[in-house]
Amino acid sequence: MGVIGELIGAPGTVQAVGEAAKGLAEVFTPSATRRMELSAEAQAAALKQYAEEYALPSLGWFDRLMNGLNRLPRPMLAFGTMGLFVYAMIDPVSFGQRMVGLNMVPEPLWWLLGAVVSFYFGAREAYYFRNRTVAAPPVANAAPAATDANPALEDWRATQG
């Protein structure tokens, strides 16, 4: 608008007309930039509310006890399985009797046990997946790169200043 303002002889008038046209255009077509700014503000407010809502309170004795109990099943299953191998080598006859007893357990009960164990470990995995920390992406450099130079623009700037 600098050239038009020089031709007319009223640079302020051209800028005022441009601002009025911009305002009139935003009546019919909302500003995409403003919409993105409002969306970012709403998202930041929601994240702030969630952060306040889910802030960790200090844990009492009951919470610590439950956290301790929740950490027991995996080590117990691992050490119990290794213990079965040791038991089979120490007393093979007794181990064989126990395995015959396990063989008499009906198949639907095995399916139920498998579902309970799968849901337990699946829920733990989902919990840790949802609560993992994600590194923030690096902030892009706002300065234009030197390779983006426009020779014609540089010549025009040299003649103006």
N, C-alpha and C. Protein backbone atom coordinates (compact mmCIF):
# COMPACT_ATOMS: atom_id res chain seq x y z
N MET A 1 0.82 -1.20 0.00
CA MET A 1 0.00 0.00 0.00
C MET A 1 0.86 1.25 0.00
N GLY A 2 2.17 1.07 0.14
CA GLY A 2 3.05 2.23 0.15
C GLY A 2 3.04 2.96 -1.18
N VAL A 3 3.00 2.25 -2.29
CA VAL A 3 3.01 2.86 -3.62
C VAL A 3 1.69 3.59 -3.86
N ILE A 4 0.56 2.97 -3.49
CA ILE A 4 -0.75 3.61 -3.69
C ILE A 4 -0.85 4.86 -2.83
N GLY A 5 -0.34 4.80 -1.62
CA GLY A 5 -0.38 5.97 -0.75
C GLY A 5 0.44 7.12 -1.30
N GLU A 6 1.57 6.82 -1.92
CA GLU A 6 2.41 7.87 -2.51
C GLU A 6 1.72 8.47 -3.73
N LEU A 7 1.04 7.64 -4.53
CA LEU A 7 0.35 8.15 -5.71
C LEU A 7 -0.81 9.06 -5.34
N ILE A 8 -1.58 8.65 -4.31
CA ILE A 8 -2.74 9.44 -3.90
C ILE A 8 -2.30 10.64 -3.07
N GLY A 9 -1.22 10.47 -2.34
CA GLY A 9 -0.73 11.55 -1.50
C GLY A 9 -1.33 11.50 -0.09
N ALA A 10 -1.94 10.38 0.30
CA ALA A 10 -2.54 10.26 1.63
C ALA A 10 -2.29 8.84 2.16
N PRO A 11 -1.08 8.56 2.68
CA PRO A 11 -0.77 7.20 3.12
C PRO A 11 -1.64 6.75 4.30
N GLY A 12 -2.04 7.64 5.17
CA GLY A 12 -2.88 7.28 6.31
C GLY A 12 -4.27 6.87 5.87
N THR A 13 -4.78 7.51 4.81
CA THR A 13 -6.12 7.20 4.33
C THR A 13 -6.16 5.79 3.74
N VAL A 14 -5.13 5.43 3.00
CA VAL A 14 -5.08 4.11 2.39
C VAL A 14 -5.03 3.03 3.48
N GLN A 15 -4.27 3.30 4.53
CA GLN A 15 -4.19 2.33 5.62
C GLN A 15 -5.53 2.23 6.33
N ALA A 16 -6.21 3.32 6.55
CA ALA A 16 -7.52 3.29 7.21
C ALA A 16 -8.53 2.52 6.36
N VAL A 17 -8.50 2.75 5.03
CA VAL A 17 -9.41 2.01 4.15
C VAL A 17 -9.09 0.52 4.19
N GLY A 18 -7.80 0.16 4.24
CA GLY A 18 -7.39 -1.24 4.32
C GLY A 18 -7.87 -1.89 5.62
N GLU A 19 -7.75 -1.19 6.74
CA GLU A 19 -8.23 -1.72 8.02
C GLU A 19 -9.75 -1.88 8.01
N ALA A 20 -10.45 -0.93 7.40
CA ALA A 20 -11.91 -1.03 7.32
C ALA A 20 -12.33 -2.21 6.46
N ALA A 21 -11.62 -2.43 5.36
CA ALA A 21 -11.92 -3.59 4.51
C ALA A 21 -11.64 -4.89 5.24
N LYS A 22 -10.57 -4.90 6.03
CA LYS A 22 -10.26 -6.10 6.81
C LYS A 22 -11.35 -6.36 7.84
N GLY A 23 -11.78 -5.33 8.53
CA GLY A 23 -12.86 -5.49 9.51
C GLY A 23 -14.15 -5.95 8.87
N LEU A 24 -14.47 -5.41 7.70
CA LEU A 24 -15.68 -5.81 6.99
C LEU A 24 -15.58 -7.25 6.51
N ALA A 25 -14.40 -7.65 6.06
CA ALA A 25 -14.22 -9.03 5.60
C ALA A 25 -14.36 -10.01 6.76
N GLU A 26 -13.92 -9.62 7.96
CA GLU A 26 -14.02 -10.52 9.11
C GLU A 26 -15.46 -10.68 9.58
N VAL A 27 -16.35 -9.79 9.17
CA VAL A 27 -17.77 -9.96 9.50
C VAL A 27 -18.33 -11.15 8.74
N PHE A 28 -17.92 -11.30 7.49
CA PHE A 28 -18.43 -12.38 6.65
C PHE A 28 -17.60 -13.67 6.77
N THR A 29 -16.31 -13.52 6.93
CA THR A 29 -15.41 -14.67 7.07
C THR A 29 -14.58 -14.46 8.33
N PRO A 30 -14.78 -15.31 9.36
CA PRO A 30 -14.02 -15.12 10.60
C PRO A 30 -12.53 -15.28 10.37
N SER A 31 -11.76 -14.59 11.19
CA SER A 31 -10.31 -14.63 11.09
C SER A 31 -9.80 -15.99 11.54
N ALA A 32 -9.08 -16.67 10.66
CA ALA A 32 -8.53 -17.98 11.00
C ALA A 32 -7.48 -17.86 12.09
N THR A 33 -6.71 -16.79 12.07
CA THR A 33 -5.69 -16.59 13.09
C THR A 33 -6.33 -16.42 14.46
N ARG A 34 -7.37 -15.60 14.52
CA ARG A 34 -8.05 -15.38 15.81
C ARG A 34 -8.70 -16.68 16.30
N ARG A 35 -9.26 -17.45 15.37
CA ARG A 35 -9.88 -18.72 15.75
C ARG A 35 -8.82 -19.66 16.33
N MET A 36 -7.62 -19.70 15.73
CA MET A 36 -6.55 -20.54 16.26
C MET A 36 -6.08 -20.05 17.63
N GLU A 37 -6.01 -18.72 17.80
CA GLU A 37 -5.62 -18.17 19.11
C GLU A 37 -6.63 -18.55 20.18
N LEU A 38 -7.92 -18.44 19.87
CA LEU A 38 -8.95 -18.80 20.84
C LEU A 38 -8.92 -20.29 21.15
N SER A 39 -8.67 -21.11 20.14
CA SER A 39 -8.57 -22.55 20.35
C SER A 39 -7.39 -22.89 21.25
N ALA A 40 -6.26 -22.22 21.03
CA ALA A 40 -5.08 -22.47 21.87
C ALA A 40 -5.34 -22.02 23.30
N GLU A 41 -6.02 -20.90 23.49
CA GLU A 41 -6.35 -20.44 24.84
C GLU A 41 -7.27 -21.42 25.54
N ALA A 42 -8.27 -21.92 24.83
CA ALA A 42 -9.21 -22.89 25.42
C ALA A 42 -8.48 -24.18 25.79
N GLN A 43 -7.59 -24.63 24.93
CA GLN A 43 -6.84 -25.85 25.23
C GLN A 43 -5.92 -25.65 26.43
N ALA A 44 -5.27 -24.49 26.51
CA ALA A 44 -4.40 -24.22 27.65
C ALA A 44 -5.20 -24.16 28.95
N ALA A 45 -6.39 -23.57 28.89
CA ALA A 45 -7.24 -23.51 30.08
C ALA A 45 -7.68 -24.91 30.51
N ALA A 46 -8.03 -25.75 29.55
CA ALA A 46 -8.45 -27.12 29.87
C ALA A 46 -7.29 -27.91 30.48
N LEU A 47 -6.10 -27.77 29.91
CA LEU A 47 -4.94 -28.47 30.45
C LEU A 47 -4.61 -28.00 31.86
N LYS A 48 -4.76 -26.70 32.10
CA LYS A 48 -4.51 -26.17 33.44
C LYS A 48 -5.52 -26.75 34.43
N GLN A 49 -6.78 -26.83 34.02
CA GLN A 49 -7.81 -27.39 34.90
C GLN A 49 -7.51 -28.86 35.19
N TYR A 50 -7.13 -29.63 34.16
CA TYR A 50 -6.81 -31.04 34.39
C TYR A 50 -5.61 -31.18 35.31
N ALA A 51 -4.61 -30.33 35.14
CA ALA A 51 -3.43 -30.40 35.99
C ALA A 51 -3.80 -30.15 37.45
N GLU A 52 -4.67 -29.19 37.69
CA GLU A 52 -5.10 -28.92 39.06
C GLU A 52 -5.95 -30.06 39.60
N GLU A 53 -6.80 -30.64 38.75
CA GLU A 53 -7.71 -31.69 39.19
C GLU A 53 -6.97 -32.98 39.54
N TYR A 54 -5.93 -33.28 38.77
CA TYR A 54 -5.24 -34.55 38.97
C TYR A 54 -3.89 -34.38 39.67
N ALA A 55 -3.70 -33.30 40.37
CA ALA A 55 -2.47 -33.13 41.14
C ALA A 55 -2.44 -34.20 42.22
N LEU A 56 -1.26 -34.76 42.44
CA LEU A 56 -1.16 -35.86 43.39
C LEU A 56 -1.26 -35.36 44.82
N PRO A 57 -2.22 -35.87 45.58
CA PRO A 57 -2.29 -35.50 47.00
C PRO A 57 -1.25 -36.30 47.79
N SER A 58 -0.99 -35.90 49.01
CA SER A 58 -0.07 -36.67 49.84
C SER A 58 -0.74 -38.00 50.18
N LEU A 59 0.03 -39.07 50.11
CA LEU A 59 -0.51 -40.40 50.31
C LEU A 59 -0.57 -40.76 51.79
N GLY A 60 -1.70 -41.32 52.21
CA GLY A 60 -1.85 -41.79 53.58
C GLY A 60 -1.36 -43.22 53.71
N TRP A 61 -1.49 -43.79 54.90
CA TRP A 61 -1.00 -45.15 55.14
C TRP A 61 -1.76 -46.18 54.31
N PHE A 62 -3.08 -45.97 54.13
CA PHE A 62 -3.87 -46.92 53.35
C PHE A 62 -3.44 -46.92 51.89
N ASP A 63 -3.20 -45.72 51.33
CA ASP A 63 -2.75 -45.62 49.94
C ASP A 63 -1.39 -46.29 49.75
N ARG A 64 -0.49 -46.07 50.70
CA ARG A 64 0.82 -46.71 50.61
C ARG A 64 0.71 -48.22 50.71
N LEU A 65 -0.19 -48.72 51.59
CA LEU A 65 -0.41 -50.16 51.72
C LEU A 65 -0.94 -50.75 50.41
N MET A 66 -1.92 -50.08 49.80
CA MET A 66 -2.48 -50.57 48.55
C MET A 66 -1.46 -50.54 47.42
N ASN A 67 -0.64 -49.50 47.38
CA ASN A 67 0.42 -49.45 46.36
C ASN A 67 1.40 -50.60 46.55
N GLY A 68 1.72 -50.92 47.80
CA GLY A 68 2.61 -52.05 48.08
C GLY A 68 1.98 -53.37 47.67
N LEU A 69 0.69 -53.55 47.96
CA LEU A 69 0.01 -54.79 47.57
C LEU A 69 -0.10 -54.92 46.05
N ASN A 70 -0.27 -53.81 45.36
CA ASN A 70 -0.37 -53.84 43.91
C ASN A 70 0.96 -54.23 43.26
N ARG A 71 2.05 -54.08 43.98
CA ARG A 71 3.36 -54.42 43.42
C ARG A 71 3.73 -55.88 43.67
N LEU A 72 2.93 -56.62 44.40
CA LEU A 72 3.26 -58.00 44.73
C LEU A 72 2.98 -59.04 43.65
N PRO A 73 1.90 -58.99 42.87
CA PRO A 73 1.58 -60.11 41.98
C PRO A 73 2.65 -60.48 40.97
N ARG A 74 3.29 -59.53 40.33
CA ARG A 74 4.28 -59.89 39.32
C ARG A 74 5.49 -60.62 39.93
N PRO A 75 6.09 -60.12 41.01
CA PRO A 75 7.20 -60.89 41.59
C PRO A 75 6.75 -62.25 42.12
N MET A 76 5.53 -62.30 42.69
CA MET A 76 5.05 -63.58 43.20
C MET A 76 4.87 -64.59 42.07
N LEU A 77 4.34 -64.16 40.93
CA LEU A 77 4.19 -65.07 39.79
C LEU A 77 5.55 -65.52 39.26
N ALA A 78 6.49 -64.61 39.16
CA ALA A 78 7.81 -64.96 38.64
C ALA A 78 8.53 -65.91 39.59
N PHE A 79 8.60 -65.57 40.88
CA PHE A 79 9.29 -66.43 41.84
C PHE A 79 8.54 -67.74 42.06
N GLY A 80 7.20 -67.70 41.98
CA GLY A 80 6.42 -68.93 42.12
C GLY A 80 6.69 -69.91 40.99
N THR A 81 6.83 -69.39 39.77
CA THR A 81 7.14 -70.25 38.63
C THR A 81 8.52 -70.88 38.79
N MET A 82 9.51 -70.09 39.21
CA MET A 82 10.84 -70.66 39.45
C MET A 82 10.79 -71.66 40.61
N GLY A 83 9.96 -71.35 41.61
CA GLY A 83 9.81 -72.28 42.74
C GLY A 83 9.23 -73.62 42.31
N LEU A 84 8.34 -73.62 41.31
CA LEU A 84 7.81 -74.89 40.80
C LEU A 84 8.91 -75.77 40.22
N PHE A 85 9.87 -75.18 39.52
CA PHE A 85 10.98 -75.96 38.98
C PHE A 85 11.83 -76.55 40.10
N VAL A 86 12.09 -75.74 41.12
CA VAL A 86 12.87 -76.23 42.27
C VAL A 86 12.10 -77.35 42.96
N TYR A 87 10.81 -77.17 43.18
CA TYR A 87 9.96 -78.17 43.83
C TYR A 87 9.93 -79.47 43.04
N ALA A 88 9.89 -79.36 41.69
CA ALA A 88 9.87 -80.57 40.85
C ALA A 88 11.17 -81.34 40.98
N MET A 89 12.29 -80.67 41.23
CA MET A 89 13.56 -81.37 41.37
C MET A 89 13.76 -81.92 42.77
N ILE A 90 13.21 -81.26 43.77
CA ILE A 90 13.37 -81.73 45.15
C ILE A 90 12.47 -82.93 45.42
N ASP A 91 11.20 -82.86 45.04
CA ASP A 91 10.24 -83.93 45.34
C ASP A 91 9.39 -84.21 44.09
N PRO A 92 9.92 -84.99 43.14
CA PRO A 92 9.20 -85.21 41.88
C PRO A 92 7.87 -85.92 42.05
N VAL A 93 7.76 -86.83 43.00
CA VAL A 93 6.51 -87.58 43.17
C VAL A 93 5.41 -86.65 43.65
N SER A 94 5.69 -85.86 44.65
CA SER A 94 4.70 -84.92 45.17
C SER A 94 4.34 -83.87 44.11
N PHE A 95 5.36 -83.43 43.35
CA PHE A 95 5.10 -82.47 42.28
C PHE A 95 4.17 -83.08 41.23
N GLY A 96 4.39 -84.36 40.90
CA GLY A 96 3.54 -85.04 39.92
C GLY A 96 2.10 -85.14 40.41
N GLN A 97 1.92 -85.38 41.72
CA GLN A 97 0.56 -85.45 42.26
C GLN A 97 -0.14 -84.08 42.16
N ARG A 98 0.60 -83.03 42.42
CA ARG A 98 0.02 -81.68 42.32
C ARG A 98 -0.37 -81.36 40.87
N MET A 99 0.45 -81.79 39.93
CA MET A 99 0.16 -81.52 38.52
C MET A 99 -1.05 -82.33 38.05
N VAL A 100 -1.24 -83.54 38.58
CA VAL A 100 -2.43 -84.32 38.26
C VAL A 100 -3.66 -83.57 38.78
N GLY A 101 -3.54 -82.99 39.97
CA GLY A 101 -4.64 -82.18 40.52
C GLY A 101 -4.95 -80.98 39.63
N LEU A 102 -3.90 -80.34 39.13
CA LEU A 102 -4.12 -79.20 38.23
C LEU A 102 -4.77 -79.66 36.93
N ASN A 103 -4.47 -80.86 36.49
CA ASN A 103 -5.05 -81.38 35.26
C ASN A 103 -6.55 -81.60 35.41
N MET A 104 -7.03 -81.73 36.63
CA MET A 104 -8.47 -81.96 36.87
C MET A 104 -9.27 -80.67 36.93
N VAL A 105 -8.60 -79.53 36.89
CA VAL A 105 -9.31 -78.24 36.89
C VAL A 105 -10.04 -78.10 35.56
N PRO A 106 -11.34 -77.74 35.58
CA PRO A 106 -12.07 -77.61 34.31
C PRO A 106 -11.54 -76.47 33.44
N GLU A 107 -11.69 -76.67 32.13
CA GLU A 107 -11.15 -75.69 31.18
C GLU A 107 -11.74 -74.29 31.33
N PRO A 108 -13.05 -74.12 31.59
CA PRO A 108 -13.56 -72.75 31.78
C PRO A 108 -12.90 -72.00 32.94
N LEU A 109 -12.49 -72.75 33.96
CA LEU A 109 -11.81 -72.09 35.08
C LEU A 109 -10.43 -71.60 34.66
N TRP A 110 -9.75 -72.34 33.77
CA TRP A 110 -8.46 -71.87 33.24
C TRP A 110 -8.66 -70.61 32.40
N TRP A 111 -9.75 -70.59 31.61
CA TRP A 111 -10.03 -69.40 30.82
C TRP A 111 -10.27 -68.19 31.72
N LEU A 112 -10.99 -68.41 32.81
CA LEU A 112 -11.27 -67.33 33.76
C LEU A 112 -9.98 -66.82 34.40
N LEU A 113 -9.11 -67.75 34.80
CA LEU A 113 -7.83 -67.34 35.37
C LEU A 113 -7.01 -66.55 34.35
N GLY A 114 -7.00 -67.02 33.11
CA GLY A 114 -6.26 -66.30 32.06
C GLY A 114 -6.82 -64.90 31.84
N ALA A 115 -8.14 -64.77 31.87
CA ALA A 115 -8.75 -63.45 31.68
C ALA A 115 -8.40 -62.51 32.83
N VAL A 116 -8.45 -63.02 34.06
CA VAL A 116 -8.14 -62.18 35.22
C VAL A 116 -6.69 -61.70 35.16
N VAL A 117 -5.78 -62.63 34.89
CA VAL A 117 -4.36 -62.25 34.82
C VAL A 117 -4.12 -61.30 33.65
N SER A 118 -4.74 -61.56 32.50
CA SER A 118 -4.55 -60.68 31.34
C SER A 118 -5.08 -59.28 31.61
N PHE A 119 -6.26 -59.19 32.21
CA PHE A 119 -6.81 -57.87 32.50
C PHE A 119 -5.99 -57.14 33.55
N TYR A 120 -5.46 -57.86 34.52
CA TYR A 120 -4.64 -57.21 35.55
C TYR A 120 -3.40 -56.58 34.91
N PHE A 121 -2.66 -57.39 34.14
CA PHE A 121 -1.44 -56.85 33.54
C PHE A 121 -1.75 -55.87 32.41
N GLY A 122 -2.85 -56.09 31.70
CA GLY A 122 -3.25 -55.14 30.66
C GLY A 122 -3.63 -53.79 31.24
N ALA A 123 -4.32 -53.80 32.38
CA ALA A 123 -4.69 -52.54 33.03
C ALA A 123 -3.46 -51.80 33.53
N ARG A 124 -2.50 -52.54 34.05
CA ARG A 124 -1.26 -51.89 34.52
C ARG A 124 -0.52 -51.27 33.34
N GLU A 125 -0.45 -52.01 32.24
CA GLU A 125 0.24 -51.49 31.06
C GLU A 125 -0.47 -50.25 30.53
N ALA A 126 -1.79 -50.30 30.48
CA ALA A 126 -2.56 -49.14 30.01
C ALA A 126 -2.35 -47.94 30.93
N TYR A 127 -2.30 -48.18 32.23
CA TYR A 127 -2.07 -47.08 33.19
C TYR A 127 -0.72 -46.43 32.92
N TYR A 128 0.32 -47.22 32.78
CA TYR A 128 1.65 -46.64 32.54
C TYR A 128 1.74 -46.01 31.15
N PHE A 129 1.01 -46.55 30.19
CA PHE A 129 1.01 -45.95 28.85
C PHE A 129 0.35 -44.58 28.87
N ARG A 130 -0.76 -44.45 29.60
CA ARG A 130 -1.47 -43.17 29.68
C ARG A 130 -0.70 -42.13 30.47
N ASN A 131 0.09 -42.56 31.44
CA ASN A 131 0.78 -41.61 32.32
C ASN A 131 2.25 -41.45 31.98
N ARG A 132 2.64 -41.82 30.78
CA ARG A 132 4.05 -41.64 30.41
C ARG A 132 4.30 -40.16 30.12
N THR A 133 5.54 -39.75 30.29
CA THR A 133 5.90 -38.38 29.97
C THR A 133 6.41 -38.33 28.54
N VAL A 134 5.96 -37.34 27.81
CA VAL A 134 6.34 -37.19 26.41
C VAL A 134 7.18 -35.93 26.30
N ALA A 135 8.32 -36.06 25.66
CA ALA A 135 9.19 -34.90 25.47
C ALA A 135 8.53 -33.91 24.53
N ALA A 136 8.62 -32.63 24.88
CA ALA A 136 8.05 -31.58 24.04
C ALA A 136 8.87 -31.44 22.76
N PRO A 137 8.22 -31.19 21.63
CA PRO A 137 8.97 -31.00 20.38
C PRO A 137 9.81 -29.72 20.46
N PRO A 138 10.93 -29.70 19.78
CA PRO A 138 11.77 -28.49 19.82
C PRO A 138 11.05 -27.31 19.18
N VAL A 139 11.30 -26.14 19.71
CA VAL A 139 10.68 -24.92 19.20
C VAL A 139 11.41 -24.51 17.93
N ALA A 140 10.65 -24.22 16.89
CA ALA A 140 11.23 -23.82 15.61
C ALA A 140 11.83 -22.42 15.73
N ASN A 141 12.91 -22.19 15.05
CA ASN A 141 13.57 -20.89 15.06
C ASN A 141 12.72 -19.91 14.26
N ALA A 142 12.41 -18.77 14.87
CA ALA A 142 11.54 -17.79 14.23
C ALA A 142 12.28 -16.97 13.17
N ALA A 143 13.61 -16.93 13.23
CA ALA A 143 14.38 -16.14 12.27
C ALA A 143 14.40 -16.85 10.92
N PRO A 144 14.20 -16.09 9.83
CA PRO A 144 14.23 -16.73 8.51
C PRO A 144 15.65 -17.19 8.17
N ALA A 145 15.75 -18.26 7.43
CA ALA A 145 17.06 -18.78 7.05
C ALA A 145 17.69 -17.87 6.00
N ALA A 146 19.01 -17.90 5.95
CA ALA A 146 19.73 -17.04 5.00
C ALA A 146 19.49 -17.48 3.57
N THR A 147 19.13 -18.74 3.36
CA THR A 147 18.90 -19.23 2.00
C THR A 147 17.57 -18.77 1.44
N ASP A 148 16.70 -18.18 2.28
CA ASP A 148 15.39 -17.73 1.82
C ASP A 148 15.43 -16.28 1.32
N ALA A 149 16.59 -15.74 1.02
CA ALA A 149 16.72 -14.35 0.59
C ALA A 149 16.13 -14.17 -0.80
N ASN A 150 15.50 -13.01 -1.01
CA ASN A 150 14.90 -12.67 -2.29
C ASN A 150 15.74 -11.54 -2.89
N PRO A 151 16.49 -11.81 -3.96
CA PRO A 151 17.39 -10.79 -4.52
C PRO A 151 16.64 -9.53 -4.97
N ALA A 152 15.46 -9.67 -5.54
CA ALA A 152 14.72 -8.49 -6.00
C ALA A 152 14.30 -7.64 -4.81
N LEU A 153 13.88 -8.29 -3.72
CA LEU A 153 13.49 -7.55 -2.52
C LEU A 153 14.69 -6.84 -1.92
N GLU A 154 15.84 -7.49 -1.91
CA GLU A 154 17.06 -6.86 -1.38
C GLU A 154 17.45 -5.63 -2.22
N ASP A 155 17.34 -5.71 -3.54
CA ASP A 155 17.63 -4.56 -4.41
C ASP A 155 16.67 -3.41 -4.11
N TRP A 156 15.39 -3.71 -3.96
CA TRP A 156 14.39 -2.67 -3.70
C TRP A 156 14.67 -2.00 -2.36
N ARG A 157 15.02 -2.81 -1.31
CA ARG A 157 15.34 -2.25 0.01
C ARG A 157 16.57 -1.35 -0.08
N ALA A 158 17.54 -1.71 -0.91
CA ALA A 158 18.76 -0.91 -1.04
C ALA A 158 18.44 0.45 -1.66
N THR A 159 17.48 0.48 -2.60
CA THR A 159 17.14 1.76 -3.23
C THR A 159 16.28 2.63 -2.32
N GLN A 160 15.54 2.01 -1.37
CA GLN A 160 14.65 2.77 -0.49
C GLN A 160 15.43 3.40 0.68
N GLY A 161 16.47 2.80 1.12
CA GLY A 161 17.11 3.28 2.33
C GLY A 161 18.46 3.77 2.10
